[in-house]
Amino acid sequence: MSMRIPTEHRLREMAASFGFDEVRFTRVSPAAGIDAYDRFVAEGRHGDMSWMERSRPPRADPSSLLPDVRSVVVLGMRYAHPAPPDPGGLTGRVASYAWGRDYHNHIGKRLQRLTRALRETIPGLETYAGVDSRPLIERAWAEASGLGFIGKDAMAIMPGKSSYFFLAAILVNIELEPDPPLGDHCGTCERCLVGCPTHAFTAPGELDARRCISYLSIEHKGVISDDLKPLMGRWVFGCDVCQEVCPHNPKDPHPAHLDFSARPGNAWLDLEWLMTATDDEIRARFIGSPIRRAGPDGLRRNAAIVLGNLGDRSGIPCLEGQLSHPNPATRDAVEWALNQL
């Protein structure tokens, strides 16, 4: 007589077959993380991200996305790769998650294939899945399911393993045995709080996006204040400092999925090229990359700030070529950088 394979076991095996490194389960009620989400938005710490206000209702009530939802399947996919060597010169740093393929597209396609396979395998299964762009609070579900704990840097962290992983979630209409939460594994460590270049943490686990380099260089499209510009250092897209100083992240990570390894020239961007390339050239250069999200104007603005921080006068000619740039934020950054040089 054959033994019945538990649904949870089948889910784990199938998720692994589609490239997911971690899979955990949690119950859907209560909606994870909504209180912290509401506080974040009410205090204005979300900055210009007005979509957080618009997308609040389904985050608070997942049943509006899947009426019969019972459980959440939380998935993790590692992206850590050894950093390419610093080329020096007029170059700017890129956060490691953006070195390779755009995770939205890559993981999104795997998620579609996985949910299709699950519905074909498990009779009556209904799903709603998303990776970052759907109204789901993935980090909160990760914490509730034990896939990670929320550290003082507000990141989901797998203790002793990594915080360099992407999250995805699948709402399902079946009961799954929940995995236990992990609890706190930060202890007295405050390396991320101390190490943040812009002092973006207002308290352990509390981030003010308006001071975060990742927010400033990607989501924020306007002028960056002069008091923050010097603190951005060489970061031209995103920032990894709070992860780099975290003791849960090994200095020499085991390479993750090859799709997220560094494409040539994507870990360190050529700042002179960014300042002189056309909009179309910049868009074409970053097709299929998360870097495209900042847009040509944002990348030029960021590049100008980094050039000002580098203090290398050889960057003056490419800056001077953008003194009359039509975008106010870019023009402001160019003028600031030239004043520094």
C-alpha atoms as a PDB file:
ATOM      1  CA  MET A   1       0.000   0.000   0.000  1.00  0.00           C
ATOM      2  CA  SER A   2       1.477   3.349  -1.072  1.00  0.00           C
ATOM      3  CA  MET A   3       1.780   6.099   1.520  1.00  0.00           C
ATOM      4  CA  ARG A   4       0.184   9.491   0.884  1.00  0.00           C
ATOM      5  CA  ILE A   5       2.755  12.208   0.305  1.00  0.00           C
ATOM      6  CA  PRO A   6       1.928  15.269   2.437  1.00  0.00           C
ATOM      7  CA  THR A   7       0.954  18.357   0.461  1.00  0.00           C
ATOM      8  CA  GLU A   8       3.647  20.389   2.229  1.00  0.00           C
ATOM      9  CA  HIS A   9       6.318  17.927   1.078  1.00  0.00           C
ATOM     10  CA  ARG A  10       5.098  18.077  -2.509  1.00  0.00           C
ATOM     11  CA  LEU A  11       5.089  21.871  -2.395  1.00  0.00           C
ATOM     12  CA  ARG A  12       8.668  21.982  -1.123  1.00  0.00           C
ATOM     13  CA  GLU A  13       9.891  19.561  -3.779  1.00  0.00           C
ATOM     14  CA  MET A  14       8.133  21.361  -6.597  1.00  0.00           C
ATOM     15  CA  ALA A  15       9.364  24.775  -5.444  1.00  0.00           C
ATOM     16  CA  ALA A  16      12.923  23.445  -5.363  1.00  0.00           C
ATOM     17  CA  SER A  17      12.536  22.062  -8.884  1.00  0.00           C
ATOM     18  CA  PHE A  18      11.747  25.591 -10.094  1.00  0.00           C
ATOM     19  CA  GLY A  19      14.887  27.020  -8.497  1.00  0.00           C
ATOM     20  CA  PHE A  20      13.612  28.297  -5.156  1.00  0.00           C
ATOM     21  CA  ASP A  21      16.118  27.796  -2.348  1.00  0.00           C
ATOM     22  CA  GLU A  22      13.738  28.174   0.594  1.00  0.00           C
ATOM     23  CA  VAL A  23      10.034  27.511   1.107  1.00  0.00           C
ATOM     24  CA  ARG A  24       7.960  28.003   4.253  1.00  0.00           C
ATOM     25  CA  PHE A  25       4.270  28.101   5.138  1.00  0.00           C
ATOM     26  CA  THR A  26       2.127  30.269   7.371  1.00  0.00           C
ATOM     27  CA  ARG A  27      -1.536  30.875   8.048  1.00  0.00           C
ATOM     28  CA  VAL A  28      -3.076  33.871   6.345  1.00  0.00           C
ATOM     29  CA  SER A  29      -4.804  35.315   9.421  1.00  0.00           C
ATOM     30  CA  PRO A  30      -4.020  37.765  10.810  1.00  0.00           C
ATOM     31  CA  ALA A  31      -2.568  39.736   7.892  1.00  0.00           C
ATOM     32  CA  ALA A  32       1.160  39.894   8.613  1.00  0.00           C
ATOM     33  CA  GLY A  33       2.908  43.217   9.012  1.00  0.00           C
ATOM     34  CA  ILE A  34      -0.001  45.581   8.404  1.00  0.00           C
ATOM     35  CA  ASP A  35       0.410  47.493  11.687  1.00  0.00           C
ATOM     36  CA  ALA A  36       4.049  48.310  10.956  1.00  0.00           C
ATOM     37  CA  TYR A  37       3.081  49.132   7.357  1.00  0.00           C
ATOM     38  CA  ASP A  38       0.406  51.574   8.513  1.00  0.00           C
ATOM     39  CA  ARG A  39       2.792  53.247  10.941  1.00  0.00           C
ATOM     40  CA  PHE A  40       5.448  53.584   8.233  1.00  0.00           C
ATOM     41  CA  VAL A  41       3.006  55.313   5.875  1.00  0.00           C
ATOM     42  CA  ALA A  42       1.283  57.426   8.555  1.00  0.00           C
ATOM     43  CA  GLU A  43       4.645  58.864   9.619  1.00  0.00           C
ATOM     44  CA  GLY A  44       5.475  59.732   6.000  1.00  0.00           C
ATOM     45  CA  ARG A  45       8.570  57.547   5.995  1.00  0.00           C
ATOM     46  CA  HIS A  46       7.552  56.134   2.604  1.00  0.00           C
ATOM     47  CA  GLY A  47       8.441  59.419   0.914  1.00  0.00           C
ATOM     48  CA  ASP A  48       7.237  59.654  -2.686  1.00  0.00           C
ATOM     49  CA  MET A  49       6.058  56.044  -2.837  1.00  0.00           C
ATOM     50  CA  SER A  50       2.363  56.909  -3.054  1.00  0.00           C
ATOM     51  CA  TRP A  51       1.644  53.422  -4.400  1.00  0.00           C
ATOM     52  CA  MET A  52       2.058  52.214  -0.816  1.00  0.00           C
ATOM     53  CA  GLU A  53      -1.036  54.176   0.144  1.00  0.00           C
ATOM     54  CA  ARG A  54      -3.046  53.039  -2.873  1.00  0.00           C
ATOM     55  CA  SER A  55      -2.178  49.365  -2.425  1.00  0.00           C
ATOM     56  CA  ARG A  56      -2.891  49.228   1.309  1.00  0.00           C
ATOM     57  CA  PRO A  57      -6.373  47.594   1.240  1.00  0.00           C
ATOM     58  CA  PRO A  58      -5.368  44.206  -0.286  1.00  0.00           C
ATOM     59  CA  ARG A  59      -2.236  44.096   1.888  1.00  0.00           C
ATOM     60  CA  ALA A  60      -4.496  44.320   4.934  1.00  0.00           C
ATOM     61  CA  ASP A  61      -7.031  41.848   3.532  1.00  0.00           C
ATOM     62  CA  PRO A  62      -5.478  39.104   1.354  1.00  0.00           C
ATOM     63  CA  SER A  63      -8.922  37.593   0.836  1.00  0.00           C
ATOM     64  CA  SER A  64      -9.603  40.445  -1.578  1.00  0.00           C
ATOM     65  CA  LEU A  65      -6.911  38.896  -3.782  1.00  0.00           C
ATOM     66  CA  LEU A  66      -7.980  35.277  -3.299  1.00  0.00           C
ATOM     67  CA  PRO A  67     -11.431  34.940  -1.678  1.00  0.00           C
ATOM     68  CA  ASP A  68     -10.909  31.478  -0.162  1.00  0.00           C
ATOM     69  CA  VAL A  69      -7.294  32.020   0.912  1.00  0.00           C
ATOM     70  CA  ARG A  70      -6.184  29.845   3.848  1.00  0.00           C
ATOM     71  CA  SER A  71      -2.369  29.819   3.794  1.00  0.00           C
ATOM     72  CA  VAL A  72       0.645  31.593   2.364  1.00  0.00           C
ATOM     73  CA  VAL A  73       3.555  29.821   0.697  1.00  0.00           C
ATOM     74  CA  VAL A  74       6.668  31.993   1.116  1.00  0.00           C
ATOM     75  CA  LEU A  75       9.606  31.420  -1.227  1.00  0.00           C
ATOM     76  CA  GLY A  76      13.198  32.603  -1.164  1.00  0.00           C
ATOM     77  CA  MET A  77      15.785  32.697  -3.946  1.00  0.00           C
ATOM     78  CA  ARG A  78      19.391  33.634  -3.177  1.00  0.00           C
ATOM     79  CA  TYR A  79      21.214  36.179  -5.327  1.00  0.00           C
ATOM     80  CA  ALA A  80      24.570  36.676  -3.570  1.00  0.00           C
ATOM     81  CA  HIS A  81      27.682  36.498  -5.750  1.00  0.00           C
ATOM     82  CA  PRO A  82      31.273  37.541  -5.074  1.00  0.00           C
ATOM     83  CA  ALA A  83      31.772  41.210  -5.884  1.00  0.00           C
ATOM     84  CA  PRO A  84      33.698  42.034  -9.071  1.00  0.00           C
ATOM     85  CA  PRO A  85      36.911  43.961  -8.298  1.00  0.00           C
ATOM     86  CA  ASP A  86      36.750  47.732  -8.031  1.00  0.00           C
ATOM     87  CA  PRO A  87      37.906  49.126 -11.410  1.00  0.00           C
ATOM     88  CA  GLY A  88      38.683  52.513  -9.849  1.00  0.00           C
ATOM     89  CA  GLY A  89      38.492  55.677 -11.885  1.00  0.00           C
ATOM     90  CA  LEU A  90      35.195  57.407 -12.543  1.00  0.00           C
ATOM     91  CA  THR A  91      32.906  54.532 -11.604  1.00  0.00           C
ATOM     92  CA  GLY A  92      29.974  54.155  -9.242  1.00  0.00           C
ATOM     93  CA  ARG A  93      28.755  51.206  -7.202  1.00  0.00           C
ATOM     94  CA  VAL A  94      25.573  49.227  -7.847  1.00  0.00           C
ATOM     95  CA  ALA A  95      23.681  47.228  -5.206  1.00  0.00           C
ATOM     96  CA  SER A  96      24.318  43.516  -5.724  1.00  0.00           C
ATOM     97  CA  TYR A  97      20.685  42.585  -6.376  1.00  0.00           C
ATOM     98  CA  ALA A  98      20.876  44.578  -9.624  1.00  0.00           C
ATOM     99  CA  TRP A  99      24.080  43.083 -11.051  1.00  0.00           C
ATOM    100  CA  GLY A 100      22.280  40.426 -13.095  1.00  0.00           C
ATOM    101  CA  ARG A 101      18.860  39.806 -14.564  1.00  0.00           C
ATOM    102  CA  ASP A 102      15.790  41.685 -13.404  1.00  0.00           C
ATOM    103  CA  TYR A 103      14.395  39.520 -10.627  1.00  0.00           C
ATOM    104  CA  HIS A 104      10.827  40.656 -11.306  1.00  0.00           C
ATOM    105  CA  ASN A 105      10.875  39.018 -14.732  1.00  0.00           C
ATOM    106  CA  HIS A 106      13.087  36.055 -13.906  1.00  0.00           C
ATOM    107  CA  ILE A 107      11.392  34.986 -10.672  1.00  0.00           C
ATOM    108  CA  GLY A 108       7.981  36.032 -11.965  1.00  0.00           C
ATOM    109  CA  LYS A 109       8.218  33.568 -14.849  1.00  0.00           C
ATOM    110  CA  ARG A 110       9.357  30.759 -12.535  1.00  0.00           C
ATOM    111  CA  LEU A 111       6.496  31.614 -10.196  1.00  0.00           C
ATOM    112  CA  GLN A 112       3.966  31.398 -13.034  1.00  0.00           C
ATOM    113  CA  ARG A 113       5.268  27.975 -14.069  1.00  0.00           C
ATOM    114  CA  LEU A 114       5.323  26.763 -10.450  1.00  0.00           C
ATOM    115  CA  THR A 115       1.747  27.852  -9.702  1.00  0.00           C
ATOM    116  CA  ARG A 116       0.545  26.293 -12.960  1.00  0.00           C
ATOM    117  CA  ALA A 117       2.222  23.005 -12.031  1.00  0.00           C
ATOM    118  CA  LEU A 118       0.784  23.150  -8.511  1.00  0.00           C
ATOM    119  CA  ARG A 119      -2.758  23.660  -9.785  1.00  0.00           C
ATOM    120  CA  GLU A 120      -2.326  20.696 -12.138  1.00  0.00           C
ATOM    121  CA  THR A 121      -0.994  18.519  -9.305  1.00  0.00           C
ATOM    122  CA  ILE A 122      -3.250  19.491  -6.396  1.00  0.00           C
ATOM    123  CA  PRO A 123      -6.986  19.129  -7.205  1.00  0.00           C
ATOM    124  CA  GLY A 124      -9.037  22.249  -6.508  1.00  0.00           C
ATOM    125  CA  LEU A 125      -6.031  24.415  -5.722  1.00  0.00           C
ATOM    126  CA  GLU A 126      -6.415  28.143  -6.360  1.00  0.00           C
ATOM    127  CA  THR A 127      -3.502  30.577  -6.163  1.00  0.00           C
ATOM    128  CA  TYR A 128      -2.519  34.227  -6.216  1.00  0.00           C
ATOM    129  CA  ALA A 129       1.219  34.818  -6.533  1.00  0.00           C
ATOM    130  CA  GLY A 130       3.546  37.767  -6.627  1.00  0.00           C
ATOM    131  CA  VAL A 131       7.156  38.854  -6.433  1.00  0.00           C
ATOM    132  CA  ASP A 132       7.578  42.421  -5.153  1.00  0.00           C
ATOM    133  CA  SER A 133       5.172  44.141  -7.562  1.00  0.00           C
ATOM    134  CA  ARG A 134       1.937  42.644  -6.139  1.00  0.00           C
ATOM    135  CA  PRO A 135       0.153  44.047  -3.045  1.00  0.00           C
ATOM    136  CA  LEU A 136       1.711  41.565  -0.611  1.00  0.00           C
ATOM    137  CA  ILE A 137       3.986  42.384   2.343  1.00  0.00           C
ATOM    138  CA  GLU A 138       6.521  39.682   1.507  1.00  0.00           C
ATOM    139  CA  ARG A 139       8.948  40.437   4.355  1.00  0.00           C
ATOM    140  CA  ALA A 140       6.178  40.205   6.938  1.00  0.00           C
ATOM    141  CA  TRP A 141       5.004  36.870   5.530  1.00  0.00           C
ATOM    142  CA  ALA A 142       8.630  35.694   5.537  1.00  0.00           C
ATOM    143  CA  GLU A 143       8.895  36.554   9.218  1.00  0.00           C
ATOM    144  CA  ALA A 144       5.578  34.878  10.051  1.00  0.00           C
ATOM    145  CA  SER A 145       6.592  31.704   8.203  1.00  0.00           C
ATOM    146  CA  GLY A 146      10.088  31.428   9.647  1.00  0.00           C
ATOM    147  CA  LEU A 147      11.798  31.938   6.296  1.00  0.00           C
ATOM    148  CA  GLY A 148      13.691  34.755   7.961  1.00  0.00           C
ATOM    149  CA  PHE A 149      13.533  37.137  10.881  1.00  0.00           C
ATOM    150  CA  ILE A 150      13.291  40.908  10.449  1.00  0.00           C
ATOM    151  CA  GLY A 151      16.611  42.360  11.504  1.00  0.00           C
ATOM    152  CA  LYS A 152      17.448  45.777  12.858  1.00  0.00           C
ATOM    153  CA  ASP A 153      18.099  46.803   9.247  1.00  0.00           C
ATOM    154  CA  ALA A 154      14.436  45.931   8.424  1.00  0.00           C
ATOM    155  CA  MET A 155      15.661  43.150   6.121  1.00  0.00           C
ATOM    156  CA  ALA A 156      14.496  39.541   6.204  1.00  0.00           C
ATOM    157  CA  ILE A 157      17.506  37.503   7.329  1.00  0.00           C
ATOM    158  CA  MET A 158      18.124  33.761   7.381  1.00  0.00           C
ATOM    159  CA  PRO A 159      20.302  33.353  10.503  1.00  0.00           C
ATOM    160  CA  GLY A 160      23.847  32.371   9.726  1.00  0.00           C
ATOM    161  CA  LYS A 161      23.031  32.118   6.021  1.00  0.00           C
ATOM    162  CA  SER A 162      22.174  35.368   4.286  1.00  0.00           C
ATOM    163  CA  SER A 163      19.904  38.334   3.780  1.00  0.00           C
ATOM    164  CA  TYR A 164      20.779  38.376   0.082  1.00  0.00           C
ATOM    165  CA  PHE A 165      17.668  36.645  -1.206  1.00  0.00           C
ATOM    166  CA  PHE A 166      14.561  37.620  -3.129  1.00  0.00           C
ATOM    167  CA  LEU A 167      11.121  36.879  -1.722  1.00  0.00           C
ATOM    168  CA  ALA A 168       7.976  35.663  -3.432  1.00  0.00           C
ATOM    169  CA  ALA A 169       4.622  34.629  -1.997  1.00  0.00           C
ATOM    170  CA  ILE A 170       1.727  32.437  -3.106  1.00  0.00           C
ATOM    171  CA  LEU A 171      -1.700  32.720  -1.523  1.00  0.00           C
ATOM    172  CA  VAL A 172      -3.452  29.324  -1.585  1.00  0.00           C
ATOM    173  CA  ASN A 173      -6.950  28.124  -0.693  1.00  0.00           C
ATOM    174  CA  ILE A 174      -5.778  25.101   1.311  1.00  0.00           C
ATOM    175  CA  GLU A 175      -4.675  24.629   4.908  1.00  0.00           C
ATOM    176  CA  LEU A 176      -0.937  24.036   5.258  1.00  0.00           C
ATOM    177  CA  GLU A 177       0.954  23.146   8.416  1.00  0.00           C
ATOM    178  CA  PRO A 178       2.617  26.442   9.416  1.00  0.00           C
ATOM    179  CA  ASP A 179       6.326  26.704  10.087  1.00  0.00           C
ATOM    180  CA  PRO A 180       7.325  28.431  13.343  1.00  0.00           C
ATOM    181  CA  PRO A 181       8.742  31.981  13.348  1.00  0.00           C
ATOM    182  CA  LEU A 182      12.440  32.265  14.161  1.00  0.00           C
ATOM    183  CA  GLY A 183      12.459  35.034  16.745  1.00  0.00           C
ATOM    184  CA  ASP A 184      15.224  37.619  17.075  1.00  0.00           C
ATOM    185  CA  HIS A 185      18.778  36.752  16.016  1.00  0.00           C
ATOM    186  CA  CYS A 186      20.299  40.252  16.134  1.00  0.00           C
ATOM    187  CA  GLY A 187      20.932  40.308  19.858  1.00  0.00           C
ATOM    188  CA  THR A 188      22.949  43.363  20.863  1.00  0.00           C
ATOM    189  CA  CYS A 189      24.511  43.824  17.411  1.00  0.00           C
ATOM    190  CA  GLU A 190      23.944  47.280  15.902  1.00  0.00           C
ATOM    191  CA  ARG A 191      26.397  47.218  13.008  1.00  0.00           C
ATOM    192  CA  CYS A 192      23.718  48.108  10.464  1.00  0.00           C
ATOM    193  CA  LEU A 193      22.368  50.987  12.544  1.00  0.00           C
ATOM    194  CA  VAL A 194      25.840  52.427  13.032  1.00  0.00           C
ATOM    195  CA  GLY A 195      27.074  51.666   9.516  1.00  0.00           C
ATOM    196  CA  CYS A 196      24.234  53.267   7.530  1.00  0.00           C
ATOM    197  CA  PRO A 197      25.903  56.193   5.701  1.00  0.00           C
ATOM    198  CA  THR A 198      22.790  58.409   5.841  1.00  0.00           C
ATOM    199  CA  HIS A 199      21.553  57.379   9.318  1.00  0.00           C
ATOM    200  CA  ALA A 200      18.292  56.168   7.784  1.00  0.00           C
ATOM    201  CA  PHE A 201      17.258  54.008  10.756  1.00  0.00           C
ATOM    202  CA  THR A 202      15.135  55.838  13.305  1.00  0.00           C
ATOM    203  CA  ALA A 203      15.136  52.800  15.632  1.00  0.00           C
ATOM    204  CA  PRO A 204      15.979  49.083  15.353  1.00  0.00           C
ATOM    205  CA  GLY A 205      13.903  47.733  12.474  1.00  0.00           C
ATOM    206  CA  GLU A 206      12.500  51.204  11.683  1.00  0.00           C
ATOM    207  CA  LEU A 207      13.635  52.711   8.368  1.00  0.00           C
ATOM    208  CA  ASP A 208      13.013  56.236   7.097  1.00  0.00           C
ATOM    209  CA  ALA A 209      13.085  55.700   3.336  1.00  0.00           C
ATOM    210  CA  ARG A 210      13.559  59.422   2.774  1.00  0.00           C
ATOM    211  CA  ARG A 211      17.149  59.060   4.018  1.00  0.00           C
ATOM    212  CA  CYS A 212      17.878  55.639   2.519  1.00  0.00           C
ATOM    213  CA  ILE A 213      20.347  55.612  -0.389  1.00  0.00           C
ATOM    214  CA  SER A 214      18.381  52.868  -2.144  1.00  0.00           C
ATOM    215  CA  TYR A 215      15.228  54.987  -2.049  1.00  0.00           C
ATOM    216  CA  LEU A 216      17.032  58.196  -2.993  1.00  0.00           C
ATOM    217  CA  SER A 217      18.841  56.676  -5.968  1.00  0.00           C
ATOM    218  CA  ILE A 218      15.929  54.631  -7.362  1.00  0.00           C
ATOM    219  CA  GLU A 219      12.437  55.535  -6.150  1.00  0.00           C
ATOM    220  CA  HIS A 220      12.926  59.256  -5.532  1.00  0.00           C
ATOM    221  CA  LYS A 221      12.824  61.229  -8.769  1.00  0.00           C
ATOM    222  CA  GLY A 222      13.338  64.759  -7.442  1.00  0.00           C
ATOM    223  CA  VAL A 223      16.186  66.855  -6.083  1.00  0.00           C
ATOM    224  CA  ILE A 224      18.340  65.175  -3.433  1.00  0.00           C
ATOM    225  CA  SER A 225      19.147  67.537  -0.571  1.00  0.00           C
ATOM    226  CA  ASP A 226      22.695  68.827  -0.255  1.00  0.00           C
ATOM    227  CA  ASP A 227      23.111  67.354   3.231  1.00  0.00           C
ATOM    228  CA  LEU A 228      22.523  63.846   1.869  1.00  0.00           C
ATOM    229  CA  LYS A 229      24.547  64.054  -1.352  1.00  0.00           C
ATOM    230  CA  PRO A 230      28.001  63.646   0.293  1.00  0.00           C
ATOM    231  CA  LEU A 231      26.711  60.684   2.317  1.00  0.00           C
ATOM    232  CA  MET A 232      25.817  58.738  -0.836  1.00  0.00           C
ATOM    233  CA  GLY A 233      29.497  58.123  -1.536  1.00  0.00           C
ATOM    234  CA  ARG A 234      29.994  56.000  -4.649  1.00  0.00           C
ATOM    235  CA  TRP A 235      26.518  54.457  -4.695  1.00  0.00           C
ATOM    236  CA  VAL A 236      25.011  55.221  -8.099  1.00  0.00           C
ATOM    237  CA  PHE A 237      22.161  52.674  -7.841  1.00  0.00           C
ATOM    238  CA  GLY A 238      20.980  51.225  -4.553  1.00  0.00           C
ATOM    239  CA  CYS A 239      23.081  50.454  -1.488  1.00  0.00           C
ATOM    240  CA  ASP A 240      24.279  47.303   0.305  1.00  0.00           C
ATOM    241  CA  VAL A 241      25.974  48.731   3.399  1.00  0.00           C
ATOM    242  CA  CYS A 242      23.496  47.416   5.989  1.00  0.00           C
ATOM    243  CA  GLN A 243      23.864  43.932   4.480  1.00  0.00           C
ATOM    244  CA  GLU A 244      27.640  44.127   4.046  1.00  0.00           C
ATOM    245  CA  VAL A 245      28.179  44.796   7.756  1.00  0.00           C
ATOM    246  CA  CYS A 246      25.667  42.165   8.931  1.00  0.00           C
ATOM    247  CA  PRO A 247      27.437  39.189  10.603  1.00  0.00           C
ATOM    248  CA  HIS A 248      24.807  36.808   9.172  1.00  0.00           C
ATOM    249  CA  ASN A 249      26.207  37.425   5.680  1.00  0.00           C
ATOM    250  CA  PRO A 250      29.424  35.549   4.851  1.00  0.00           C
ATOM    251  CA  LYS A 251      32.227  37.611   3.340  1.00  0.00           C
ATOM    252  CA  ASP A 252      32.686  35.093   0.528  1.00  0.00           C
ATOM    253  CA  PRO A 253      29.165  33.926  -0.315  1.00  0.00           C
ATOM    254  CA  HIS A 254      28.538  30.691  -2.112  1.00  0.00           C
ATOM    255  CA  PRO A 255      27.491  31.747  -5.643  1.00  0.00           C
ATOM    256  CA  ALA A 256      23.731  31.764  -6.079  1.00  0.00           C
ATOM    257  CA  HIS A 257      21.737  31.467  -9.309  1.00  0.00           C
ATOM    258  CA  LEU A 258      23.859  32.359 -12.319  1.00  0.00           C
ATOM    259  CA  ASP A 259      21.104  34.623 -13.642  1.00  0.00           C
ATOM    260  CA  PHE A 260      21.930  37.027 -10.825  1.00  0.00           C
ATOM    261  CA  SER A 261      25.699  37.052 -11.337  1.00  0.00           C
ATOM    262  CA  ALA A 262      27.200  40.338 -12.486  1.00  0.00           C
ATOM    263  CA  ARG A 263      26.734  41.243 -16.133  1.00  0.00           C
ATOM    264  CA  PRO A 264      29.817  42.971 -17.577  1.00  0.00           C
ATOM    265  CA  GLY A 265      29.914  46.555 -16.368  1.00  0.00           C
ATOM    266  CA  ASN A 266      26.801  46.325 -14.174  1.00  0.00           C
ATOM    267  CA  ALA A 267      28.428  46.131 -10.729  1.00  0.00           C
ATOM    268  CA  TRP A 268      30.422  49.301 -11.358  1.00  0.00           C
ATOM    269  CA  LEU A 269      28.908  51.832 -13.742  1.00  0.00           C
ATOM    270  CA  ASP A 270      30.969  54.075 -16.005  1.00  0.00           C
ATOM    271  CA  LEU A 271      29.976  57.549 -14.815  1.00  0.00           C
ATOM    272  CA  GLU A 272      31.355  59.440 -17.796  1.00  0.00           C
ATOM    273  CA  TRP A 273      29.320  57.246 -20.115  1.00  0.00           C
ATOM    274  CA  LEU A 274      26.162  57.831 -18.071  1.00  0.00           C
ATOM    275  CA  MET A 275      26.679  61.590 -18.291  1.00  0.00           C
ATOM    276  CA  THR A 276      27.211  61.610 -22.056  1.00  0.00           C
ATOM    277  CA  ALA A 277      24.961  58.815 -23.375  1.00  0.00           C
ATOM    278  CA  THR A 278      21.542  59.562 -24.817  1.00  0.00           C
ATOM    279  CA  ASP A 279      18.326  58.492 -23.106  1.00  0.00           C
ATOM    280  CA  ASP A 280      17.802  55.779 -25.720  1.00  0.00           C
ATOM    281  CA  GLU A 281      21.350  54.484 -25.277  1.00  0.00           C
ATOM    282  CA  ILE A 282      20.887  54.249 -21.510  1.00  0.00           C
ATOM    283  CA  ARG A 283      17.534  52.488 -21.841  1.00  0.00           C
ATOM    284  CA  ALA A 284      18.971  50.023 -24.363  1.00  0.00           C
ATOM    285  CA  ARG A 285      22.054  49.378 -22.226  1.00  0.00           C
ATOM    286  CA  PHE A 286      19.968  48.267 -19.255  1.00  0.00           C
ATOM    287  CA  ILE A 287      17.236  46.222 -20.930  1.00  0.00           C
ATOM    288  CA  GLY A 288      16.453  43.254 -18.667  1.00  0.00           C
ATOM    289  CA  SER A 289      18.244  44.859 -15.707  1.00  0.00           C
ATOM    290  CA  PRO A 290      16.779  46.382 -12.514  1.00  0.00           C
ATOM    291  CA  ILE A 291      19.063  49.380 -13.133  1.00  0.00           C
ATOM    292  CA  ARG A 292      16.644  50.545 -15.814  1.00  0.00           C
ATOM    293  CA  ARG A 293      14.134  51.457 -13.093  1.00  0.00           C
ATOM    294  CA  ALA A 294      16.012  54.637 -12.138  1.00  0.00           C
ATOM    295  CA  GLY A 295      15.590  56.004 -15.667  1.00  0.00           C
ATOM    296  CA  PRO A 296      18.112  58.055 -17.660  1.00  0.00           C
ATOM    297  CA  ASP A 297      17.525  61.268 -15.671  1.00  0.00           C
ATOM    298  CA  GLY A 298      17.820  59.499 -12.320  1.00  0.00           C
ATOM    299  CA  LEU A 299      20.999  57.697 -13.326  1.00  0.00           C
ATOM    300  CA  ARG A 300      22.564  60.959 -14.544  1.00  0.00           C
ATOM    301  CA  ARG A 301      21.571  62.701 -11.313  1.00  0.00           C
ATOM    302  CA  ASN A 302      23.117  59.889  -9.277  1.00  0.00           C
ATOM    303  CA  ALA A 303      26.240  59.781 -11.459  1.00  0.00           C
ATOM    304  CA  ALA A 304      26.750  63.526 -11.000  1.00  0.00           C
ATOM    305  CA  ILE A 305      26.548  63.161  -7.211  1.00  0.00           C
ATOM    306  CA  VAL A 306      29.086  60.331  -7.216  1.00  0.00           C
ATOM    307  CA  LEU A 307      31.412  62.359  -9.454  1.00  0.00           C
ATOM    308  CA  GLY A 308      31.220  65.172  -6.920  1.00  0.00           C
ATOM    309  CA  ASN A 309      32.001  62.748  -4.109  1.00  0.00           C
ATOM    310  CA  LEU A 310      34.953  61.198  -5.940  1.00  0.00           C
ATOM    311  CA  GLY A 311      36.719  64.563  -6.064  1.00  0.00           C
ATOM    312  CA  ASP A 312      38.424  63.713  -9.356  1.00  0.00           C
ATOM    313  CA  ARG A 313      38.642  66.823 -11.547  1.00  0.00           C
ATOM    314  CA  SER A 314      38.802  64.687 -14.690  1.00  0.00           C
ATOM    315  CA  GLY A 315      35.031  64.381 -14.291  1.00  0.00           C
ATOM    316  CA  ILE A 316      34.485  68.121 -14.860  1.00  0.00           C
ATOM    317  CA  PRO A 317      34.092  68.037 -18.681  1.00  0.00           C
ATOM    318  CA  CYS A 318      31.262  65.470 -18.668  1.00  0.00           C
ATOM    319  CA  LEU A 319      29.529  67.401 -15.901  1.00  0.00           C
ATOM    320  CA  GLU A 320      29.802  70.697 -17.713  1.00  0.00           C
ATOM    321  CA  GLY A 321      28.103  69.090 -20.705  1.00  0.00           C
ATOM    322  CA  GLN A 322      24.959  68.646 -18.571  1.00  0.00           C
ATOM    323  CA  LEU A 323      24.752  72.122 -16.984  1.00  0.00           C
ATOM    324  CA  SER A 324      21.688  72.929 -19.061  1.00  0.00           C
ATOM    325  CA  HIS A 325      19.995  69.551 -18.618  1.00  0.00           C
ATOM    326  CA  PRO A 326      16.194  69.982 -18.718  1.00  0.00           C
ATOM    327  CA  ASN A 327      15.549  67.841 -15.626  1.00  0.00           C
ATOM    328  CA  PRO A 328      15.776  70.024 -12.473  1.00  0.00           C
ATOM    329  CA  ALA A 329      17.039  67.222 -10.218  1.00  0.00           C
ATOM    330  CA  THR A 330      19.787  66.274 -12.666  1.00  0.00           C
ATOM    331  CA  ARG A 331      20.773  69.899 -13.199  1.00  0.00           C
ATOM    332  CA  ASP A 332      20.889  70.493  -9.443  1.00  0.00           C
ATOM    333  CA  ALA A 333      23.182  67.481  -8.954  1.00  0.00           C
ATOM    334  CA  VAL A 334      25.483  68.626 -11.771  1.00  0.00           C
ATOM    335  CA  GLU A 335      25.802  72.119 -10.295  1.00  0.00           C
ATOM    336  CA  TRP A 336      26.486  70.667  -6.845  1.00  0.00           C
ATOM    337  CA  ALA A 337      29.140  68.299  -8.188  1.00  0.00           C
ATOM    338  CA  LEU A 338      30.932  71.054 -10.083  1.00  0.00           C
ATOM    339  CA  ASN A 339      30.992  73.136  -6.906  1.00  0.00           C
ATOM    340  CA  GLN A 340      32.633  70.199  -5.105  1.00  0.00           C
ATOM    341  CA  LEU A 341      35.268  69.882  -7.828  1.00  0.00           C
END
